[in-house]
C-alpha atoms as a PDB file:
ATOM      1  CA  MET A   1     161.601  92.310  47.740  1.00  0.00           C
ATOM      2  CA  TRP A   2     159.889  90.657  50.745  1.00  0.00           C
ATOM      3  CA  THR A   3     156.067  91.193  50.285  1.00  0.00           C
ATOM      4  CA  HIS A   4     155.175  88.873  53.062  1.00  0.00           C
ATOM      5  CA  VAL A   5     156.224  91.529  55.680  1.00  0.00           C
ATOM      6  CA  GLN A   6     153.224  93.411  57.149  1.00  0.00           C
ATOM      7  CA  ARG A   7     153.686  97.168  57.610  1.00  0.00           C
ATOM      8  CA  PRO A   8     157.311  97.134  58.671  1.00  0.00           C
ATOM      9  CA  THR A   9     158.538  99.797  61.021  1.00  0.00           C
ATOM     10  CA  ASP A  10     162.092  98.836  61.889  1.00  0.00           C
ATOM     11  CA  ILE A  11     164.729  96.075  61.212  1.00  0.00           C
ATOM     12  CA  SER A  12     167.603  94.636  63.076  1.00  0.00           C
ATOM     13  CA  PHE A  13     170.117  91.847  62.425  1.00  0.00           C
ATOM     14  CA  ASP A  14     171.838  89.463  64.885  1.00  0.00           C
ATOM     15  CA  LYS A  15     175.343  88.093  64.676  1.00  0.00           C
ATOM     16  CA  ASP A  16     173.939  84.821  63.171  1.00  0.00           C
ATOM     17  CA  GLY A  17     172.352  86.512  60.244  1.00  0.00           C
ATOM     18  CA  ARG A  18     168.757  86.491  61.438  1.00  0.00           C
ATOM     19  CA  VAL A  19     166.579  89.424  60.435  1.00  0.00           C
ATOM     20  CA  TYR A  20     164.102  90.890  63.034  1.00  0.00           C
ATOM     21  CA  ILE A  21     161.332  93.113  61.750  1.00  0.00           C
ATOM     22  CA  SER A  22     158.709  94.942  63.872  1.00  0.00           C
ATOM     23  CA  GLU A  23     155.316  95.161  62.142  1.00  0.00           C
ATOM     24  CA  LEU A  24     152.195  97.298  62.780  1.00  0.00           C
ATOM     25  CA  TRP A  25     148.746  95.822  62.899  1.00  0.00           C
ATOM     26  CA  TRP A  26     146.274  96.337  60.058  1.00  0.00           C
ATOM     27  CA  ARG A  27     142.909  97.432  61.275  1.00  0.00           C
ATOM     28  CA  GLY A  28     140.037  95.746  59.473  1.00  0.00           C
ATOM     29  CA  GLY A  29     138.223  98.250  57.310  1.00  0.00           C
ATOM     30  CA  GLY A  30     141.158 100.610  57.527  1.00  0.00           C
ATOM     31  CA  PRO A  31     143.480 101.860  54.811  1.00  0.00           C
ATOM     32  CA  ALA A  32     144.206  99.379  51.982  1.00  0.00           C
ATOM     33  CA  SER A  33     147.485  97.541  51.609  1.00  0.00           C
ATOM     34  CA  PHE A  34     149.429  98.406  48.498  1.00  0.00           C
ATOM     35  CA  THR A  35     150.300  94.706  48.142  1.00  0.00           C
ATOM     36  CA  ASN A  36     147.076  92.966  49.382  1.00  0.00           C
ATOM     37  CA  GLY A  37     144.332  95.492  48.754  1.00  0.00           C
ATOM     38  CA  PRO A  38     141.584  96.240  51.312  1.00  0.00           C
ATOM     39  CA  MET A  39     141.866  94.756  54.755  1.00  0.00           C
ATOM     40  CA  LYS A  40     138.683  92.863  55.603  1.00  0.00           C
ATOM     41  CA  TYR A  41     139.755  91.933  59.140  1.00  0.00           C
ATOM     42  CA  ASP A  42     142.384  92.867  61.742  1.00  0.00           C
ATOM     43  CA  LEU A  43     145.840  91.440  61.265  1.00  0.00           C
ATOM     44  CA  PRO A  44     147.822  91.798  64.566  1.00  0.00           C
ATOM     45  CA  GLY A  45     151.105  93.569  64.726  1.00  0.00           C
ATOM     46  CA  GLY A  46     154.087  91.722  65.916  1.00  0.00           C
ATOM     47  CA  VAL A  47     157.689  90.571  65.095  1.00  0.00           C
ATOM     48  CA  ARG A  48     158.792  88.596  62.150  1.00  0.00           C
ATOM     49  CA  VAL A  49     162.121  86.676  62.116  1.00  0.00           C
ATOM     50  CA  LEU A  50     163.635  85.847  58.760  1.00  0.00           C
ATOM     51  CA  ASP A  51     166.868  84.451  57.393  1.00  0.00           C
ATOM     52  CA  LEU A  52     168.871  86.508  54.984  1.00  0.00           C
ATOM     53  CA  GLN A  53     167.085  85.018  51.976  1.00  0.00           C
ATOM     54  CA  GLY A  54     163.741  86.175  53.516  1.00  0.00           C
ATOM     55  CA  ASN A  55     162.575  82.740  54.644  1.00  0.00           C
ATOM     56  CA  LEU A  56     160.277  82.953  57.579  1.00  0.00           C
ATOM     57  CA  LEU A  57     161.743  81.522  60.794  1.00  0.00           C
ATOM     58  CA  LEU A  58     159.074  82.911  63.245  1.00  0.00           C
ATOM     59  CA  HIS A  59     156.090  85.060  63.115  1.00  0.00           C
ATOM     60  CA  TRP A  60     155.215  86.275  66.591  1.00  0.00           C
ATOM     61  CA  CYS A  61     151.876  88.095  67.018  1.00  0.00           C
ATOM     62  CA  SER A  62     148.514  87.846  68.864  1.00  0.00           C
ATOM     63  CA  ALA A  63     145.143  89.553  68.671  1.00  0.00           C
ATOM     64  CA  ASP A  64     145.515  90.088  72.443  1.00  0.00           C
ATOM     65  CA  ARG A  65     147.586  93.298  71.923  1.00  0.00           C
ATOM     66  CA  GLU A  66     147.846  94.191  75.647  1.00  0.00           C
ATOM     67  CA  GLY A  67     149.030  90.822  76.894  1.00  0.00           C
ATOM     68  CA  ALA A  68     152.562  90.362  78.043  1.00  0.00           C
ATOM     69  CA  GLY A  69     154.741  89.373  75.159  1.00  0.00           C
ATOM     70  CA  ASN A  70     152.230  90.721  72.510  1.00  0.00           C
ATOM     71  CA  PHE A  71     152.302  93.986  70.662  1.00  0.00           C
ATOM     72  CA  VAL A  72     150.125  97.130  70.250  1.00  0.00           C
ATOM     73  CA  ALA A  73     152.307  99.241  67.878  1.00  0.00           C
ATOM     74  CA  PRO A  74     155.943  98.032  67.602  1.00  0.00           C
ATOM     75  CA  HIS A  75     157.916 100.760  66.105  1.00  0.00           C
ATOM     76  CA  THR A  76     161.534 100.015  66.996  1.00  0.00           C
ATOM     77  CA  ILE A  77     163.410  96.688  67.384  1.00  0.00           C
ATOM     78  CA  CYS A  78     166.932  95.678  68.315  1.00  0.00           C
ATOM     79  CA  VAL A  79     168.816  92.586  69.296  1.00  0.00           C
ATOM     80  CA  ASP A  80     171.953  92.579  71.554  1.00  0.00           C
ATOM     81  CA  SER A  81     175.041  90.396  71.444  1.00  0.00           C
ATOM     82  CA  ARG A  82     173.365  87.768  73.644  1.00  0.00           C
ATOM     83  CA  GLY A  83     170.420  87.490  71.280  1.00  0.00           C
ATOM     84  CA  ASP A  84     168.040  89.331  73.670  1.00  0.00           C
ATOM     85  CA  LEU A  85     165.379  91.299  71.813  1.00  0.00           C
ATOM     86  CA  TYR A  86     164.050  94.753  72.614  1.00  0.00           C
ATOM     87  CA  VAL A  87     160.859  96.108  71.160  1.00  0.00           C
ATOM     88  CA  GLY A  88     159.645  99.788  71.622  1.00  0.00           C
ATOM     89  CA  GLU A  89     156.129 100.730  70.887  1.00  0.00           C
ATOM     90  CA  VAL A  90     154.132 103.800  70.087  1.00  0.00           C
ATOM     91  CA  THR A  91     151.222 102.698  72.200  1.00  0.00           C
ATOM     92  CA  TRP A  92     149.487 105.960  73.039  1.00  0.00           C
ATOM     93  CA  THR A  93     149.275 107.524  69.542  1.00  0.00           C
ATOM     94  CA  PHE A  94     148.604 104.229  67.721  1.00  0.00           C
ATOM     95  CA  GLY A  95     146.493 102.406  70.172  1.00  0.00           C
ATOM     96  CA  SER A  96     145.253 104.265  73.337  1.00  0.00           C
ATOM     97  CA  SER A  97     144.318 107.550  71.693  1.00  0.00           C
ATOM     98  CA  ARG A  98     142.132 105.710  69.234  1.00  0.00           C
ATOM     99  CA  GLY A  99     140.465 103.575  71.857  1.00  0.00           C
ATOM    100  CA  GLY A 100     142.201 100.339  70.768  1.00  0.00           C
ATOM    101  CA  VAL A 101     143.929  99.646  74.048  1.00  0.00           C
ATOM    102  CA  ARG A 102     144.132 100.718  77.668  1.00  0.00           C
ATOM    103  CA  GLU A 103     146.200 103.872  78.433  1.00  0.00           C
ATOM    104  CA  ASP A 104     148.530 101.871  80.634  1.00  0.00           C
ATOM    105  CA  ALA A 105     149.422  99.232  77.940  1.00  0.00           C
ATOM    106  CA  HIS A 106     153.037  98.443  77.643  1.00  0.00           C
ATOM    107  CA  THR A 107     155.386 100.615  75.529  1.00  0.00           C
ATOM    108  CA  PHE A 108     158.625  98.694  75.826  1.00  0.00           C
ATOM    109  CA  GLN A 109     159.409  94.953  76.125  1.00  0.00           C
ATOM    110  CA  LYS A 110     162.560  92.867  76.517  1.00  0.00           C
ATOM    111  CA  PHE A 111     162.632  89.226  75.578  1.00  0.00           C
ATOM    112  CA  ALA A 112     165.585  87.157  76.798  1.00  0.00           C
ATOM    113  CA  ARG A 113     166.953  84.475  74.526  1.00  0.00           C
ATOM    114  CA  GLN A 114     166.655  80.988  76.085  1.00  0.00           C
END
């Protein structure tokens, strides 16, 4: 069991055995975590990349949810055969409708592997 993953919404695997997980943000003062208890402050949503043993390779997130390359409400994630990453977000229902981000905030992003 990987308890260091924050509110996971989707999981994808690449051909090299890396695990990509999309994670929702925890709003400070919002619902309590089953693992960590009450949330005292915001924890940004993002993408976590692990190896098959659950070791953290990369945790990609920012408090600037609307910035390019950052995340509002990542709900789906996939990686293609080239290693490019695609992240779809439920921005309106999770962020905009609650006043957390602008209505024109991104809902889909592609990240090309370098």
